[in-house]
N, C-alpha and C. Protein backbone atom coordinates (compact mmCIF):
# COMPACT_ATOMS: atom_id res chain seq x y z
N MET A 1 -9.38 5.13 -1.87
CA MET A 1 -8.32 4.41 -1.22
C MET A 1 -7.84 3.30 -2.15
N LEU A 2 -6.53 3.19 -2.27
CA LEU A 2 -5.90 2.13 -3.05
C LEU A 2 -4.96 1.38 -2.14
N ARG A 3 -4.92 0.07 -2.28
CA ARG A 3 -4.00 -0.74 -1.47
C ARG A 3 -3.25 -1.70 -2.37
N SER A 4 -2.09 -2.14 -1.90
CA SER A 4 -1.30 -3.14 -2.62
C SER A 4 -2.11 -4.42 -2.74
N VAL A 5 -2.15 -4.96 -3.94
CA VAL A 5 -2.87 -6.22 -4.17
C VAL A 5 -1.96 -7.13 -4.97
N PRO A 6 -1.57 -8.26 -4.50
CA PRO A 6 -1.81 -8.74 -3.13
C PRO A 6 -0.83 -8.09 -2.17
N PRO A 7 -1.17 -8.06 -0.87
CA PRO A 7 -0.22 -7.51 0.10
C PRO A 7 0.98 -8.44 0.25
N ASP A 8 2.03 -7.93 0.85
CA ASP A 8 3.24 -8.72 1.11
C ASP A 8 2.99 -9.55 2.37
N ARG A 9 2.74 -10.84 2.18
CA ARG A 9 2.43 -11.71 3.32
C ARG A 9 3.65 -12.54 3.69
N GLN A 10 4.01 -12.47 4.93
CA GLN A 10 5.09 -13.26 5.50
C GLN A 10 4.49 -14.06 6.66
N PRO A 11 5.17 -15.11 7.12
CA PRO A 11 4.59 -15.92 8.19
C PRO A 11 4.21 -15.13 9.44
N GLU A 12 4.99 -14.11 9.79
CA GLU A 12 4.74 -13.39 11.03
C GLU A 12 4.00 -12.07 10.87
N ARG A 13 3.86 -11.57 9.62
CA ARG A 13 3.20 -10.26 9.42
C ARG A 13 2.74 -10.08 7.99
N THR A 14 1.85 -9.12 7.81
CA THR A 14 1.40 -8.70 6.49
C THR A 14 1.70 -7.21 6.35
N ARG A 15 2.27 -6.83 5.20
CA ARG A 15 2.60 -5.43 4.93
C ARG A 15 1.96 -5.00 3.63
N TYR A 16 1.57 -3.74 3.58
CA TYR A 16 0.97 -3.21 2.34
C TYR A 16 1.09 -1.69 2.30
N TYR A 17 0.99 -1.17 1.09
CA TYR A 17 0.97 0.27 0.86
C TYR A 17 -0.47 0.70 0.70
N GLU A 18 -0.75 1.92 1.10
CA GLU A 18 -2.10 2.47 0.96
C GLU A 18 -1.98 3.90 0.45
N VAL A 19 -2.77 4.22 -0.56
CA VAL A 19 -2.82 5.57 -1.11
C VAL A 19 -4.22 6.11 -0.85
N LEU A 20 -4.30 7.27 -0.19
CA LEU A 20 -5.58 7.93 0.04
C LEU A 20 -5.66 9.16 -0.86
N VAL A 21 -6.75 9.29 -1.57
CA VAL A 21 -7.01 10.49 -2.38
C VAL A 21 -7.85 11.41 -1.51
N ARG A 22 -7.27 12.52 -1.09
CA ARG A 22 -7.94 13.41 -0.15
C ARG A 22 -8.68 14.56 -0.83
N ALA A 23 -8.14 15.08 -1.86
CA ALA A 23 -8.75 16.19 -2.59
C ALA A 23 -8.20 16.10 -4.01
N PRO A 24 -8.82 16.79 -4.94
CA PRO A 24 -8.28 16.73 -6.31
C PRO A 24 -6.78 17.07 -6.32
N GLY A 25 -6.00 16.09 -6.76
CA GLY A 25 -4.56 16.30 -6.88
C GLY A 25 -3.76 16.06 -5.60
N THR A 26 -4.41 15.60 -4.52
CA THR A 26 -3.71 15.37 -3.26
C THR A 26 -3.75 13.89 -2.91
N LEU A 27 -2.57 13.25 -2.84
CA LEU A 27 -2.47 11.85 -2.49
C LEU A 27 -1.63 11.70 -1.22
N CYS A 28 -1.98 10.73 -0.42
CA CYS A 28 -1.23 10.42 0.80
C CYS A 28 -0.80 8.95 0.70
N LEU A 29 0.50 8.70 0.61
CA LEU A 29 1.04 7.35 0.50
C LEU A 29 1.60 6.93 1.84
N ARG A 30 1.14 5.77 2.35
CA ARG A 30 1.63 5.23 3.61
C ARG A 30 1.85 3.74 3.48
N ARG A 31 2.66 3.21 4.37
CA ARG A 31 2.92 1.78 4.42
C ARG A 31 2.51 1.28 5.80
N TYR A 32 1.80 0.16 5.82
CA TYR A 32 1.32 -0.41 7.08
C TYR A 32 1.74 -1.85 7.22
N GLN A 33 1.74 -2.32 8.47
CA GLN A 33 1.94 -3.74 8.72
C GLN A 33 0.99 -4.15 9.85
N ARG A 34 0.63 -5.41 9.80
CA ARG A 34 -0.17 -6.01 10.86
C ARG A 34 0.49 -7.32 11.23
N GLU A 35 0.81 -7.46 12.51
CA GLU A 35 1.40 -8.70 12.99
C GLU A 35 0.36 -9.81 12.92
N ARG A 36 0.79 -11.01 12.68
CA ARG A 36 -0.13 -12.15 12.55
C ARG A 36 -1.02 -12.28 13.77
N GLN A 37 -0.48 -12.07 14.95
CA GLN A 37 -1.25 -12.21 16.18
C GLN A 37 -1.98 -10.92 16.57
N GLY A 38 -1.65 -9.81 15.93
CA GLY A 38 -2.24 -8.52 16.29
C GLY A 38 -3.49 -8.20 15.50
N GLU A 39 -4.27 -7.30 16.03
CA GLU A 39 -5.49 -6.89 15.34
C GLU A 39 -5.35 -5.52 14.72
N GLU A 40 -4.47 -4.68 15.27
CA GLU A 40 -4.33 -3.32 14.78
C GLU A 40 -3.14 -3.20 13.84
N ARG A 41 -3.31 -2.42 12.80
CA ARG A 41 -2.20 -2.15 11.90
C ARG A 41 -1.40 -0.99 12.45
N GLN A 42 -0.13 -0.92 12.05
CA GLN A 42 0.71 0.19 12.45
C GLN A 42 1.43 0.74 11.24
N SER A 43 1.60 2.04 11.22
CA SER A 43 2.31 2.72 10.14
C SER A 43 3.79 2.42 10.29
N ILE A 44 4.46 2.08 9.17
CA ILE A 44 5.89 1.80 9.18
C ILE A 44 6.56 2.61 8.08
N ASP A 45 7.89 2.66 8.13
CA ASP A 45 8.65 3.42 7.14
C ASP A 45 8.44 2.87 5.74
N LEU A 46 8.43 3.77 4.76
CA LEU A 46 8.33 3.38 3.36
C LEU A 46 9.68 2.85 2.89
N GLN A 47 9.64 1.80 2.10
CA GLN A 47 10.84 1.29 1.46
C GLN A 47 10.55 1.27 -0.04
N VAL A 48 11.02 2.30 -0.73
CA VAL A 48 10.68 2.45 -2.14
C VAL A 48 11.89 2.16 -3.01
N THR A 49 11.90 0.98 -3.58
CA THR A 49 12.90 0.61 -4.57
C THR A 49 12.27 0.82 -5.95
N GLN A 50 13.04 0.64 -6.98
CA GLN A 50 12.49 0.77 -8.32
C GLN A 50 11.37 -0.25 -8.54
N GLU A 51 11.56 -1.46 -8.06
CA GLU A 51 10.55 -2.51 -8.22
C GLU A 51 9.25 -2.14 -7.48
N VAL A 52 9.38 -1.63 -6.27
CA VAL A 52 8.20 -1.24 -5.50
C VAL A 52 7.48 -0.06 -6.18
N LEU A 53 8.23 0.90 -6.65
CA LEU A 53 7.64 2.04 -7.34
C LEU A 53 6.89 1.59 -8.59
N GLN A 54 7.47 0.68 -9.36
CA GLN A 54 6.79 0.17 -10.55
C GLN A 54 5.49 -0.54 -10.17
N ARG A 55 5.51 -1.31 -9.09
CA ARG A 55 4.30 -2.01 -8.65
C ARG A 55 3.22 -1.01 -8.23
N LEU A 56 3.62 0.04 -7.49
CA LEU A 56 2.66 1.05 -7.07
C LEU A 56 2.03 1.74 -8.28
N VAL A 57 2.86 2.09 -9.25
CA VAL A 57 2.34 2.74 -10.46
C VAL A 57 1.38 1.81 -11.20
N ARG A 58 1.71 0.53 -11.30
CA ARG A 58 0.81 -0.44 -11.95
C ARG A 58 -0.52 -0.54 -11.20
N ASP A 59 -0.44 -0.62 -9.87
CA ASP A 59 -1.67 -0.73 -9.06
C ASP A 59 -2.55 0.51 -9.22
N ILE A 60 -1.94 1.69 -9.18
CA ILE A 60 -2.70 2.94 -9.32
C ILE A 60 -3.30 3.04 -10.72
N THR A 61 -2.52 2.71 -11.73
CA THR A 61 -3.00 2.77 -13.11
C THR A 61 -4.16 1.81 -13.33
N ALA A 62 -4.04 0.58 -12.83
CA ALA A 62 -5.11 -0.41 -12.98
C ALA A 62 -6.38 0.02 -12.28
N THR A 63 -6.24 0.61 -11.11
CA THR A 63 -7.42 1.06 -10.37
C THR A 63 -8.07 2.24 -11.06
N ALA A 64 -7.26 3.18 -11.53
CA ALA A 64 -7.82 4.36 -12.21
C ALA A 64 -8.55 3.94 -13.49
N ALA A 65 -8.02 2.94 -14.19
CA ALA A 65 -8.66 2.48 -15.43
C ALA A 65 -10.00 1.82 -15.14
N ALA A 66 -10.15 1.24 -13.96
CA ALA A 66 -11.39 0.55 -13.60
C ALA A 66 -12.48 1.53 -13.15
N LEU A 67 -12.12 2.76 -12.87
CA LEU A 67 -13.12 3.74 -12.38
C LEU A 67 -13.98 4.28 -13.48
């Protein structure tokens, strides 16, 4: 499992991307948010801009290099 580090923190909520490696060559990319007052996270729509994609690639590359 890989997550955005640091997550996107706003006063009312925290949002982050999560990548799950399920089998060799199979990745599942999801975006979650948790309201400041809530305990459970909820899946939300992905918003992938060039900047977000670059950040995801950097996070995945850094994590893979650490393994």
